[in-house]
Amino acid sequence: MENEKMHLRHVMLYEFRKGVSVGTAQKNIQSVYLDRAPALRTVKKWFGRFRNGDFNLEDQLRSGRPSGIDDDIVCALVEENPRITTEEIAERLKIDNSTALRHLKKLGYVSK
């Protein structure tokens, strides 16, 4: 999957360097790759990057807080106190209530 994504980015760069429009590039790519072709919006995004002089085909780093909660930590809290609530787990781990509940469901502590 990752290799195909990178390959399609090279194809988009090729189309950009040929000087074709975004729409034409997307149609050209779709005629070859069919349902695996990138959407028009994706081609527009990459052409925009190329126009700005950014020819790096790697994904850009994304901001946002990575999930740092390990299921083992939640499991240890439940084993320590089987009557612990999702609110208590959320408070102790400094996470949202829904995140605590999702981990509990994943571990099988809550019926779905």
PDB file of N, CA and C in Angstrom:
ATOM      1  N   MET A   1       0.828  -1.189   0.000  1.00  0.00           N
ATOM      2  CA  MET A   1       0.000   0.000   0.000  1.00  0.00           C
ATOM      3  C   MET A   1       0.874   1.255   0.000  1.00  0.00           C
ATOM      4  N   GLU A   2       1.851   1.299   0.911  1.00  0.00           N
ATOM      5  CA  GLU A   2       2.721   2.475   1.016  1.00  0.00           C
ATOM      6  C   GLU A   2       3.533   2.666  -0.263  1.00  0.00           C
ATOM      7  N   ASN A   3       3.993   1.562  -0.857  1.00  0.00           N
ATOM      8  CA  ASN A   3       4.757   1.664  -2.101  1.00  0.00           C
ATOM      9  C   ASN A   3       3.896   2.200  -3.231  1.00  0.00           C
ATOM     10  N   GLU A   4       2.640   1.750  -3.285  1.00  0.00           N
ATOM     11  CA  GLU A   4       1.746   2.227  -4.343  1.00  0.00           C
ATOM     12  C   GLU A   4       1.442   3.710  -4.162  1.00  0.00           C
ATOM     13  N   LYS A   5       1.269   4.125  -2.919  1.00  0.00           N
ATOM     14  CA  LYS A   5       1.011   5.534  -2.623  1.00  0.00           C
ATOM     15  C   LYS A   5       2.185   6.386  -3.118  1.00  0.00           C
ATOM     16  N   MET A   6       3.391   5.942  -2.822  1.00  0.00           N
ATOM     17  CA  MET A   6       4.590   6.671  -3.245  1.00  0.00           C
ATOM     18  C   MET A   6       4.708   6.664  -4.769  1.00  0.00           C
ATOM     19  N   HIS A   7       4.388   5.535  -5.386  1.00  0.00           N
ATOM     20  CA  HIS A   7       4.433   5.438  -6.845  1.00  0.00           C
ATOM     21  C   HIS A   7       3.465   6.442  -7.475  1.00  0.00           C
ATOM     22  N   LEU A   8       2.245   6.514  -6.931  1.00  0.00           N
ATOM     23  CA  LEU A   8       1.253   7.442  -7.477  1.00  0.00           C
ATOM     24  C   LEU A   8       1.695   8.894  -7.296  1.00  0.00           C
ATOM     25  N   ARG A   9       2.415   9.179  -6.235  1.00  0.00           N
ATOM     26  CA  ARG A   9       2.938  10.537  -6.042  1.00  0.00           C
ATOM     27  C   ARG A   9       3.979  10.864  -7.109  1.00  0.00           C
ATOM     28  N   HIS A  10       4.796   9.879  -7.470  1.00  0.00           N
ATOM     29  CA  HIS A  10       5.758  10.081  -8.554  1.00  0.00           C
ATOM     30  C   HIS A  10       5.024  10.326  -9.872  1.00  0.00           C
ATOM     31  N   VAL A  11       3.944   9.597 -10.084  1.00  0.00           N
ATOM     32  CA  VAL A  11       3.154   9.777 -11.306  1.00  0.00           C
ATOM     33  C   VAL A  11       2.557  11.185 -11.330  1.00  0.00           C
ATOM     34  N   MET A  12       2.055  11.655 -10.180  1.00  0.00           N
ATOM     35  CA  MET A  12       1.502  13.017 -10.120  1.00  0.00           C
ATOM     36  C   MET A  12       2.590  14.050 -10.399  1.00  0.00           C
ATOM     37  N   LEU A  13       3.787  13.831  -9.873  1.00  0.00           N
ATOM     38  CA  LEU A  13       4.903  14.741 -10.131  1.00  0.00           C
ATOM     39  C   LEU A  13       5.250  14.741 -11.622  1.00  0.00           C
ATOM     40  N   TYR A  14       5.238  13.566 -12.226  1.00  0.00           N
ATOM     41  CA  TYR A  14       5.487  13.453 -13.666  1.00  0.00           C
ATOM     42  C   TYR A  14       4.461  14.267 -14.450  1.00  0.00           C
ATOM     43  N   GLU A  15       3.190  14.101 -14.099  1.00  0.00           N
ATOM     44  CA  GLU A  15       2.123  14.839 -14.785  1.00  0.00           C
ATOM     45  C   GLU A  15       2.298  16.347 -14.576  1.00  0.00           C
ATOM     46  N   PHE A  16       2.660  16.746 -13.374  1.00  0.00           N
ATOM     47  CA  PHE A  16       2.884  18.163 -13.074  1.00  0.00           C
ATOM     48  C   PHE A  16       4.000  18.716 -13.949  1.00  0.00           C
ATOM     49  N   ARG A  17       5.091  17.970 -14.036  1.00  0.00           N
ATOM     50  CA  ARG A  17       6.249  18.433 -14.817  1.00  0.00           C
ATOM     51  C   ARG A  17       5.963  18.440 -16.321  1.00  0.00           C
ATOM     52  N   LYS A  18       4.994  17.626 -16.743  1.00  0.00           N
ATOM     53  CA  LYS A  18       4.570  17.667 -18.149  1.00  0.00           C
ATOM     54  C   LYS A  18       3.802  18.945 -18.438  1.00  0.00           C
ATOM     55  N   GLY A  19       3.296  19.582 -17.384  1.00  0.00           N
ATOM     56  CA  GLY A  19       2.579  20.839 -17.554  1.00  0.00           C
ATOM     57  C   GLY A  19       1.089  20.684 -17.785  1.00  0.00           C
ATOM     58  N   VAL A  20       0.542  19.506 -17.491  1.00  0.00           N
ATOM     59  CA  VAL A  20      -0.897  19.312 -17.691  1.00  0.00           C
ATOM     60  C   VAL A  20      -1.667  19.869 -16.495  1.00  0.00           C
ATOM     61  N   SER A  21      -2.947  20.106 -16.699  1.00  0.00           N
ATOM     62  CA  SER A  21      -3.791  20.630 -15.620  1.00  0.00           C
ATOM     63  C   SER A  21      -4.081  19.534 -14.600  1.00  0.00           C
ATOM     64  N   VAL A  22      -4.586  19.950 -13.456  1.00  0.00           N
ATOM     65  CA  VAL A  22      -4.931  19.000 -12.396  1.00  0.00           C
ATOM     66  C   VAL A  22      -5.969  18.003 -12.900  1.00  0.00           C
ATOM     67  N   GLY A  23      -7.015  18.507 -13.549  1.00  0.00           N
ATOM     68  CA  GLY A  23      -8.089  17.639 -14.044  1.00  0.00           C
ATOM     69  C   GLY A  23      -7.596  16.630 -15.065  1.00  0.00           C
ATOM     70  N   THR A  24      -6.762  17.096 -15.982  1.00  0.00           N
ATOM     71  CA  THR A  24      -6.206  16.206 -17.003  1.00  0.00           C
ATOM     72  C   THR A  24      -5.300  15.162 -16.362  1.00  0.00           C
ATOM     73  N   ALA A  25      -4.496  15.596 -15.406  1.00  0.00           N
ATOM     74  CA  ALA A  25      -3.607  14.656 -14.714  1.00  0.00           C
ATOM     75  C   ALA A  25      -4.419  13.572 -14.019  1.00  0.00           C
ATOM     76  N   GLN A  26      -5.472  13.979 -13.318  1.00  0.00           N
ATOM     77  CA  GLN A  26      -6.296  13.005 -12.601  1.00  0.00           C
ATOM     78  C   GLN A  26      -6.939  12.026 -13.575  1.00  0.00           C
ATOM     79  N   LYS A  27      -7.417  12.518 -14.721  1.00  0.00           N
ATOM     80  CA  LYS A  27      -8.028  11.638 -15.731  1.00  0.00           C
ATOM     81  C   LYS A  27      -6.990  10.681 -16.312  1.00  0.00           C
ATOM     82  N   ASN A  28      -5.794  11.183 -16.580  1.00  0.00           N
ATOM     83  CA  ASN A  28      -4.725  10.325 -17.106  1.00  0.00           C
ATOM     84  C   ASN A  28      -4.382   9.209 -16.122  1.00  0.00           C
ATOM     85  N   ILE A  29      -4.257   9.584 -14.862  1.00  0.00           N
ATOM     86  CA  ILE A  29      -3.909   8.599 -13.829  1.00  0.00           C
ATOM     87  C   ILE A  29      -5.037   7.589 -13.667  1.00  0.00           C
ATOM     88  N   GLN A  30      -6.273   8.089 -13.675  1.00  0.00           N
ATOM     89  CA  GLN A  30      -7.423   7.194 -13.499  1.00  0.00           C
ATOM     90  C   GLN A  30      -7.567   6.228 -14.673  1.00  0.00           C
ATOM     91  N   SER A  31      -7.205   6.667 -15.872  1.00  0.00           N
ATOM     92  CA  SER A  31      -7.324   5.775 -17.028  1.00  0.00           C
ATOM     93  C   SER A  31      -6.384   4.574 -16.915  1.00  0.00           C
ATOM     94  N   VAL A  32      -5.300   4.739 -16.174  1.00  0.00           N
ATOM     95  CA  VAL A  32      -4.339   3.647 -15.993  1.00  0.00           C
ATOM     96  C   VAL A  32      -4.606   2.865 -14.711  1.00  0.00           C
ATOM     97  N   TYR A  33      -4.849   3.578 -13.611  1.00  0.00           N
ATOM     98  CA  TYR A  33      -4.935   2.933 -12.297  1.00  0.00           C
ATOM     99  C   TYR A  33      -6.361   2.642 -11.834  1.00  0.00           C
ATOM    100  N   LEU A  34      -7.334   3.055 -12.610  1.00  0.00           N
ATOM    101  CA  LEU A  34      -8.754   2.795 -12.338  1.00  0.00           C
ATOM    102  C   LEU A  34      -9.146   3.175 -10.912  1.00  0.00           C
ATOM    103  N   ASP A  35      -9.655   2.240 -10.138  1.00  0.00           N
ATOM    104  CA  ASP A  35     -10.161   2.559  -8.795  1.00  0.00           C
ATOM    105  C   ASP A  35      -9.044   2.834  -7.785  1.00  0.00           C
ATOM    106  N   ARG A  36      -7.801   2.572  -8.152  1.00  0.00           N
ATOM    107  CA  ARG A  36      -6.684   2.852  -7.243  1.00  0.00           C
ATOM    108  C   ARG A  36      -6.130   4.263  -7.440  1.00  0.00           C
ATOM    109  N   ALA A  37      -6.682   4.985  -8.409  1.00  0.00           N
ATOM    110  CA  ALA A  37      -6.205   6.339  -8.701  1.00  0.00           C
ATOM    111  C   ALA A  37      -6.589   7.298  -7.578  1.00  0.00           C
ATOM    112  N   PRO A  38      -5.755   8.297  -7.331  1.00  0.00           N
ATOM    113  CA  PRO A  38      -6.092   9.279  -6.296  1.00  0.00           C
ATOM    114  C   PRO A  38      -7.276  10.138  -6.727  1.00  0.00           C
ATOM    115  N   ALA A  39      -7.991  10.644  -5.752  1.00  0.00           N
ATOM    116  CA  ALA A  39      -9.129  11.523  -6.016  1.00  0.00           C
ATOM    117  C   ALA A  39      -8.625  12.862  -6.555  1.00  0.00           C
ATOM    118  N   LEU A  40      -9.511  13.586  -7.205  1.00  0.00           N
ATOM    119  CA  LEU A  40      -9.164  14.897  -7.748  1.00  0.00           C
ATOM    120  C   LEU A  40      -8.623  15.811  -6.649  1.00  0.00           C
ATOM    121  N   ARG A  41      -9.231  15.763  -5.493  1.00  0.00           N
ATOM    122  CA  ARG A  41      -8.791  16.596  -4.361  1.00  0.00           C
ATOM    123  C   ARG A  41      -7.335  16.287  -3.982  1.00  0.00           C
ATOM    124  N   THR A  42      -6.972  15.019  -4.016  1.00  0.00           N
ATOM    125  CA  THR A  42      -5.599  14.617  -3.683  1.00  0.00           C
ATOM    126  C   THR A  42      -4.619  15.146  -4.723  1.00  0.00           C
ATOM    127  N   VAL A  43      -4.988  15.038  -5.991  1.00  0.00           N
ATOM    128  CA  VAL A  43      -4.123  15.545  -7.060  1.00  0.00           C
ATOM    129  C   VAL A  43      -3.963  17.059  -6.914  1.00  0.00           C
ATOM    130  N   LYS A  44      -5.058  17.762  -6.592  1.00  0.00           N
ATOM    131  CA  LYS A  44      -4.984  19.217  -6.378  1.00  0.00           C
ATOM    132  C   LYS A  44      -4.016  19.550  -5.247  1.00  0.00           C
ATOM    133  N   LYS A  45      -4.109  18.787  -4.157  1.00  0.00           N
ATOM    134  CA  LYS A  45      -3.234  19.028  -3.003  1.00  0.00           C
ATOM    135  C   LYS A  45      -1.765  18.888  -3.409  1.00  0.00           C
ATOM    136  N   TRP A  46      -1.455  17.806  -4.124  1.00  0.00           N
ATOM    137  CA  TRP A  46      -0.062  17.572  -4.508  1.00  0.00           C
ATOM    138  C   TRP A  46       0.417  18.588  -5.540  1.00  0.00           C
ATOM    139  N   PHE A  47      -0.427  18.955  -6.489  1.00  0.00           N
ATOM    140  CA  PHE A  47      -0.039  19.971  -7.464  1.00  0.00           C
ATOM    141  C   PHE A  47       0.229  21.299  -6.754  1.00  0.00           C
ATOM    142  N   GLY A  48      -0.562  21.605  -5.730  1.00  0.00           N
ATOM    143  CA  GLY A  48      -0.341  22.822  -4.945  1.00  0.00           C
ATOM    144  C   GLY A  48       1.025  22.809  -4.277  1.00  0.00           C
ATOM    145  N   ARG A  49       1.384  21.662  -3.711  1.00  0.00           N
ATOM    146  CA  ARG A  49       2.707  21.534  -3.079  1.00  0.00           C
ATOM    147  C   ARG A  49       3.811  21.715  -4.116  1.00  0.00           C
ATOM    148  N   PHE A  50       3.631  21.085  -5.281  1.00  0.00           N
ATOM    149  CA  PHE A  50       4.643  21.195  -6.330  1.00  0.00           C
ATOM    150  C   PHE A  50       4.781  22.650  -6.790  1.00  0.00           C
ATOM    151  N   ARG A  51       3.647  23.347  -6.965  1.00  0.00           N
ATOM    152  CA  ARG A  51       3.667  24.750  -7.380  1.00  0.00           C
ATOM    153  C   ARG A  51       4.424  25.626  -6.378  1.00  0.00           C
ATOM    154  N   ASN A  52       4.347  25.260  -5.112  1.00  0.00           N
ATOM    155  CA  ASN A  52       5.044  26.011  -4.062  1.00  0.00           C
ATOM    156  C   ASN A  52       6.506  25.600  -3.916  1.00  0.00           C
ATOM    157  N   GLY A  53       6.972  24.730  -4.801  1.00  0.00           N
ATOM    158  CA  GLY A  53       8.371  24.323  -4.773  1.00  0.00           C
ATOM    159  C   GLY A  53       8.674  23.158  -3.851  1.00  0.00           C
ATOM    160  N   ASP A  54       7.634  22.547  -3.292  1.00  0.00           N
ATOM    161  CA  ASP A  54       7.823  21.405  -2.387  1.00  0.00           C
ATOM    162  C   ASP A  54       7.697  20.118  -3.196  1.00  0.00           C
ATOM    163  N   PHE A  55       8.832  19.510  -3.495  1.00  0.00           N
ATOM    164  CA  PHE A  55       8.831  18.285  -4.288  1.00  0.00           C
ATOM    165  C   PHE A  55       9.128  17.051  -3.442  1.00  0.00           C
ATOM    166  N   ASN A  56       9.054  17.202  -2.138  1.00  0.00           N
ATOM    167  CA  ASN A  56       9.230  16.078  -1.219  1.00  0.00           C
ATOM    168  C   ASN A  56       7.968  15.218  -1.280  1.00  0.00           C
ATOM    169  N   LEU A  57       8.113  13.965  -1.640  1.00  0.00           N
ATOM    170  CA  LEU A  57       6.954  13.085  -1.815  1.00  0.00           C
ATOM    171  C   LEU A  57       6.574  12.328  -0.549  1.00  0.00           C
ATOM    172  N   GLU A  58       7.324  12.544   0.523  1.00  0.00           N
ATOM    173  CA  GLU A  58       7.005  11.900   1.803  1.00  0.00           C
ATOM    174  C   GLU A  58       5.822  12.616   2.448  1.00  0.00           C
ATOM    175  N   ASP A  59       5.099  11.902   3.319  1.00  0.00           N
ATOM    176  CA  ASP A  59       4.024  12.521   4.083  1.00  0.00           C
ATOM    177  C   ASP A  59       4.616  13.565   5.014  1.00  0.00           C
ATOM    178  N   GLN A  60       3.877  14.660   5.191  1.00  0.00           N
ATOM    179  CA  GLN A  60       4.313  15.676   6.146  1.00  0.00           C
ATOM    180  C   GLN A  60       3.969  15.209   7.545  1.00  0.00           C
ATOM    181  N   LEU A  61       4.754  15.659   8.514  1.00  0.00           N
ATOM    182  CA  LEU A  61       4.453  15.340   9.899  1.00  0.00           C
ATOM    183  C   LEU A  61       3.132  15.986  10.276  1.00  0.00           C
ATOM    184  N   ARG A  62       2.350  15.277  11.039  1.00  0.00           N
ATOM    185  CA  ARG A  62       1.053  15.797  11.463  1.00  0.00           C
ATOM    186  C   ARG A  62       1.126  16.210  12.916  1.00  0.00           C
ATOM    187  N   SER A  63       0.425  17.281  13.197  1.00  0.00           N
ATOM    188  CA  SER A  63       0.371  17.703  14.589  1.00  0.00           C
ATOM    189  C   SER A  63      -0.714  16.903  15.297  1.00  0.00           C
ATOM    190  N   GLY A  64      -0.786  17.073  16.564  1.00  0.00           N
ATOM    191  CA  GLY A  64      -1.784  16.342  17.325  1.00  0.00           C
ATOM    192  C   GLY A  64      -1.112  15.462  18.350  1.00  0.00           C
ATOM    193  N   ARG A  65      -1.834  15.187  19.367  1.00  0.00           N
ATOM    194  CA  ARG A  65      -1.279  14.391  20.451  1.00  0.00           C
ATOM    195  C   ARG A  65      -1.359  12.914  20.101  1.00  0.00           C
ATOM    196  N   PRO A  66      -0.239  12.225  20.100  1.00  0.00           N
ATOM    197  CA  PRO A  66      -0.296  10.788  19.841  1.00  0.00           C
ATOM    198  C   PRO A  66      -0.919  10.062  21.027  1.00  0.00           C
ATOM    199  N   SER A  67      -1.562   8.976  20.731  1.00  0.00           N
ATOM    200  CA  SER A  67      -2.168   8.193  21.798  1.00  0.00           C
ATOM    201  C   SER A  67      -1.063   7.557  22.621  1.00  0.00           C
ATOM    202  N   GLY A  68      -1.029   7.903  23.900  1.00  0.00           N
ATOM    203  CA  GLY A  68       0.023   7.378  24.747  1.00  0.00           C
ATOM    204  C   GLY A  68      -0.503   6.399  25.779  1.00  0.00           C
ATOM    205  N   ILE A  69      -1.760   6.018  25.646  1.00  0.00           N
ATOM    206  CA  ILE A  69      -2.369   5.130  26.623  1.00  0.00           C
ATOM    207  C   ILE A  69      -2.249   3.695  26.128  1.00  0.00           C
ATOM    208  N   ASP A  70      -1.603   2.892  26.908  1.00  0.00           N
ATOM    209  CA  ASP A  70      -1.413   1.491  26.585  1.00  0.00           C
ATOM    210  C   ASP A  70      -2.523   0.679  27.254  1.00  0.00           C
ATOM    211  N   ASP A  71      -3.034  -0.321  26.559  1.00  0.00           N
ATOM    212  CA  ASP A  71      -4.078  -1.179  27.129  1.00  0.00           C
ATOM    213  C   ASP A  71      -3.621  -1.838  28.427  1.00  0.00           C
ATOM    214  N   ASP A  72      -2.326  -2.115  28.524  1.00  0.00           N
ATOM    215  CA  ASP A  72      -1.801  -2.749  29.743  1.00  0.00           C
ATOM    216  C   ASP A  72      -1.999  -1.864  30.971  1.00  0.00           C
ATOM    217  N   ILE A  73      -1.886  -0.552  30.779  1.00  0.00           N
ATOM    218  CA  ILE A  73      -2.077   0.376  31.896  1.00  0.00           C
ATOM    219  C   ILE A  73      -3.524   0.338  32.368  1.00  0.00           C
ATOM    220  N   VAL A  74      -4.452   0.359  31.408  1.00  0.00           N
ATOM    221  CA  VAL A  74      -5.876   0.299  31.753  1.00  0.00           C
ATOM    222  C   VAL A  74      -6.178  -1.030  32.432  1.00  0.00           C
ATOM    223  N   CYS A  75      -5.638  -2.105  31.894  1.00  0.00           N
ATOM    224  CA  CYS A  75      -5.849  -3.441  32.462  1.00  0.00           C
ATOM    225  C   CYS A  75      -5.330  -3.503  33.902  1.00  0.00           C
ATOM    226  N   ALA A  76      -4.173  -2.918  34.148  1.00  0.00           N
ATOM    227  CA  ALA A  76      -3.602  -2.919  35.498  1.00  0.00           C
ATOM    228  C   ALA A  76      -4.495  -2.159  36.476  1.00  0.00           C
ATOM    229  N   LEU A  77      -5.077  -1.047  36.017  1.00  0.00           N
ATOM    230  CA  LEU A  77      -5.978  -0.282  36.883  1.00  0.00           C
ATOM    231  C   LEU A  77      -7.214  -1.096  37.246  1.00  0.00           C
ATOM    232  N   VAL A  78      -7.744  -1.827  36.271  1.00  0.00           N
ATOM    233  CA  VAL A  78      -8.944  -2.641  36.515  1.00  0.00           C
ATOM    234  C   VAL A  78      -8.606  -3.812  37.431  1.00  0.00           C
ATOM    235  N   GLU A  79      -7.452  -4.421  37.238  1.00  0.00           N
ATOM    236  CA  GLU A  79      -7.053  -5.535  38.109  1.00  0.00           C
ATOM    237  C   GLU A  79      -6.808  -5.052  39.540  1.00  0.00           C
ATOM    238  N   GLU A  80      -6.286  -3.849  39.663  1.00  0.00           N
ATOM    239  CA  GLU A  80      -6.043  -3.256  40.976  1.00  0.00           C
ATOM    240  C   GLU A  80      -7.364  -2.960  41.693  1.00  0.00           C
ATOM    241  N   ASN A  81      -8.357  -2.503  40.922  1.00  0.00           N
ATOM    242  CA  ASN A  81      -9.665  -2.170  41.490  1.00  0.00           C
ATOM    243  C   ASN A  81     -10.743  -2.535  40.469  1.00  0.00           C
ATOM    244  N   PRO A  82     -11.314  -3.736  40.550  1.00  0.00           N
ATOM    245  CA  PRO A  82     -12.312  -4.176  39.575  1.00  0.00           C
ATOM    246  C   PRO A  82     -13.565  -3.292  39.526  1.00  0.00           C
ATOM    247  N   ARG A  83     -13.790  -2.469  40.539  1.00  0.00           N
ATOM    248  CA  ARG A  83     -14.971  -1.607  40.564  1.00  0.00           C
ATOM    249  C   ARG A  83     -14.663  -0.172  40.121  1.00  0.00           C
ATOM    250  N   ILE A  84     -13.496   0.032  39.530  1.00  0.00           N
ATOM    251  CA  ILE A  84     -13.109   1.371  39.084  1.00  0.00           C
ATOM    252  C   ILE A  84     -14.041   1.833  37.965  1.00  0.00           C
ATOM    253  N   THR A  85     -14.374   3.104  37.952  1.00  0.00           N
ATOM    254  CA  THR A  85     -15.279   3.646  36.931  1.00  0.00           C
ATOM    255  C   THR A  85     -14.473   4.226  35.775  1.00  0.00           C
ATOM    256  N   THR A  86     -15.159   4.425  34.653  1.00  0.00           N
ATOM    257  CA  THR A  86     -14.488   5.043  33.502  1.00  0.00           C
ATOM    258  C   THR A  86     -14.037   6.458  33.857  1.00  0.00           C
ATOM    259  N   GLU A  87     -14.832   7.137  34.680  1.00  0.00           N
ATOM    260  CA  GLU A  87     -14.463   8.493  35.096  1.00  0.00           C
ATOM    261  C   GLU A  87     -13.156   8.485  35.887  1.00  0.00           C
ATOM    262  N   GLU A  88     -13.008   7.507  36.771  1.00  0.00           N
ATOM    263  CA  GLU A  88     -11.781   7.410  37.570  1.00  0.00           C
ATOM    264  C   GLU A  88     -10.576   7.071  36.693  1.00  0.00           C
ATOM    265  N   ILE A  89     -10.791   6.170  35.747  1.00  0.00           N
ATOM    266  CA  ILE A  89      -9.700   5.815  34.823  1.00  0.00           C
ATOM    267  C   ILE A  89      -9.293   7.045  34.020  1.00  0.00           C
ATOM    268  N   ALA A  90     -10.295   7.749  33.494  1.00  0.00           N
ATOM    269  CA  ALA A  90     -10.026   8.944  32.692  1.00  0.00           C
ATOM    270  C   ALA A  90      -9.266   9.990  33.504  1.00  0.00           C
ATOM    271  N   GLU A  91      -9.684  10.186  34.746  1.00  0.00           N
ATOM    272  CA  GLU A  91      -9.039  11.177  35.603  1.00  0.00           C
ATOM    273  C   GLU A  91      -7.595  10.787  35.920  1.00  0.00           C
ATOM    274  N   ARG A  92      -7.378   9.526  36.250  1.00  0.00           N
ATOM    275  CA  ARG A  92      -6.028   9.072  36.623  1.00  0.00           C
ATOM    276  C   ARG A  92      -5.059   9.091  35.447  1.00  0.00           C
ATOM    277  N   LEU A  93      -5.583   8.784  34.257  1.00  0.00           N
ATOM    278  CA  LEU A  93      -4.711   8.733  33.079  1.00  0.00           C
ATOM    279  C   LEU A  93      -4.712  10.031  32.284  1.00  0.00           C
ATOM    280  N   LYS A  94      -5.529  10.993  32.735  1.00  0.00           N
ATOM    281  CA  LYS A  94      -5.650  12.289  32.057  1.00  0.00           C
ATOM    282  C   LYS A  94      -6.066  12.119  30.596  1.00  0.00           C
ATOM    283  N   ILE A  95      -7.124  11.321  30.422  1.00  0.00           N
ATOM    284  CA  ILE A  95      -7.693  11.094  29.099  1.00  0.00           C
ATOM    285  C   ILE A  95      -9.182  11.391  29.157  1.00  0.00           C
ATOM    286  N   ASP A  96      -9.809  11.425  28.005  1.00  0.00           N
ATOM    287  CA  ASP A  96     -11.241  11.653  27.929  1.00  0.00           C
ATOM    288  C   ASP A  96     -11.993  10.401  28.374  1.00  0.00           C
ATOM    289  N   ASN A  97     -13.198  10.606  28.898  1.00  0.00           N
ATOM    290  CA  ASN A  97     -14.052   9.503  29.335  1.00  0.00           C
ATOM    291  C   ASN A  97     -14.288   8.488  28.216  1.00  0.00           C
ATOM    292  N   SER A  98     -14.557   9.014  27.015  1.00  0.00           N
ATOM    293  CA  SER A  98     -14.846   8.118  25.888  1.00  0.00           C
ATOM    294  C   SER A  98     -13.622   7.273  25.523  1.00  0.00           C
ATOM    295  N   THR A  99     -12.435   7.824  25.705  1.00  0.00           N
ATOM    296  CA  THR A  99     -11.208   7.067  25.434  1.00  0.00           C
ATOM    297  C   THR A  99     -11.059   5.930  26.435  1.00  0.00           C
ATOM    298  N   ALA A 100     -11.336   6.231  27.699  1.00  0.00           N
ATOM    299  CA  ALA A 100     -11.273   5.192  28.737  1.00  0.00           C
ATOM    300  C   ALA A 100     -12.273   4.085  28.430  1.00  0.00           C
ATOM    301  N   LEU A 101     -13.482   4.464  28.050  1.00  0.00           N
ATOM    302  CA  LEU A 101     -14.520   3.482  27.726  1.00  0.00           C
ATOM    303  C   LEU A 101     -14.113   2.631  26.525  1.00  0.00           C
ATOM    304  N   ARG A 102     -13.536   3.267  25.514  1.00  0.00           N
ATOM    305  CA  ARG A 102     -13.103   2.534  24.315  1.00  0.00           C
ATOM    306  C   ARG A 102     -12.052   1.480  24.679  1.00  0.00           C
ATOM    307  N   HIS A 103     -11.113   1.840  25.547  1.00  0.00           N
ATOM    308  CA  HIS A 103     -10.093   0.873  25.980  1.00  0.00           C
ATOM    309  C   HIS A 103     -10.721  -0.268  26.778  1.00  0.00           C
ATOM    310  N   LEU A 104     -11.669   0.055  27.637  1.00  0.00           N
ATOM    311  CA  LEU A 104     -12.341  -0.991  28.419  1.00  0.00           C
ATOM    312  C   LEU A 104     -13.094  -1.958  27.511  1.00  0.00           C
ATOM    313  N   LYS A 105     -13.776  -1.422  26.499  1.00  0.00           N
ATOM    314  CA  LYS A 105     -14.504  -2.277  25.547  1.00  0.00           C
ATOM    315  C   LYS A 105     -13.531  -3.167  24.786  1.00  0.00           C
ATOM    316  N   LYS A 106     -12.430  -2.572  24.354  1.00  0.00           N
ATOM    317  CA  LYS A 106     -11.422  -3.322  23.599  1.00  0.00           C
ATOM    318  C   LYS A 106     -10.866  -4.483  24.419  1.00  0.00           C
ATOM    319  N   LEU A 107     -10.727  -4.251  25.719  1.00  0.00           N
ATOM    320  CA  LEU A 107     -10.198  -5.285  26.611  1.00  0.00           C
ATOM    321  C   LEU A 107     -11.261  -6.274  27.063  1.00  0.00           C
ATOM    322  N   GLY A 108     -12.521  -6.015  26.700  1.00  0.00           N
ATOM    323  CA  GLY A 108     -13.596  -6.942  27.044  1.00  0.00           C
ATOM    324  C   GLY A 108     -14.191  -6.733  28.417  1.00  0.00           C
ATOM    325  N   TYR A 109     -13.912  -5.603  29.045  1.00  0.00           N
ATOM    326  CA  TYR A 109     -14.454  -5.332  30.372  1.00  0.00           C
ATOM    327  C   TYR A 109     -15.865  -4.751  30.324  1.00  0.00           C
ATOM    328  N   VAL A 110     -16.290  -4.267  29.167  1.00  0.00           N
ATOM    329  CA  VAL A 110     -17.611  -3.659  29.015  1.00  0.00           C
ATOM    330  C   VAL A 110     -18.323  -4.380  27.886  1.00  0.00           C
ATOM    331  N   SER A 111     -19.602  -4.694  28.098  1.00  0.00           N
ATOM    332  CA  SER A 111     -20.359  -5.344  27.022  1.00  0.00           C
ATOM    333  C   SER A 111     -20.622  -4.330  25.926  1.00  0.00           C
ATOM    334  N   LYS A 112     -20.604  -4.800  24.701  1.00  0.00           N
ATOM    335  CA  LYS A 112     -20.741  -3.904  23.545  1.00  0.00           C
ATOM    336  C   LYS A 112     -22.163  -3.553  23.244  1.00  0.00           C
TER     337      LYS A 112
END
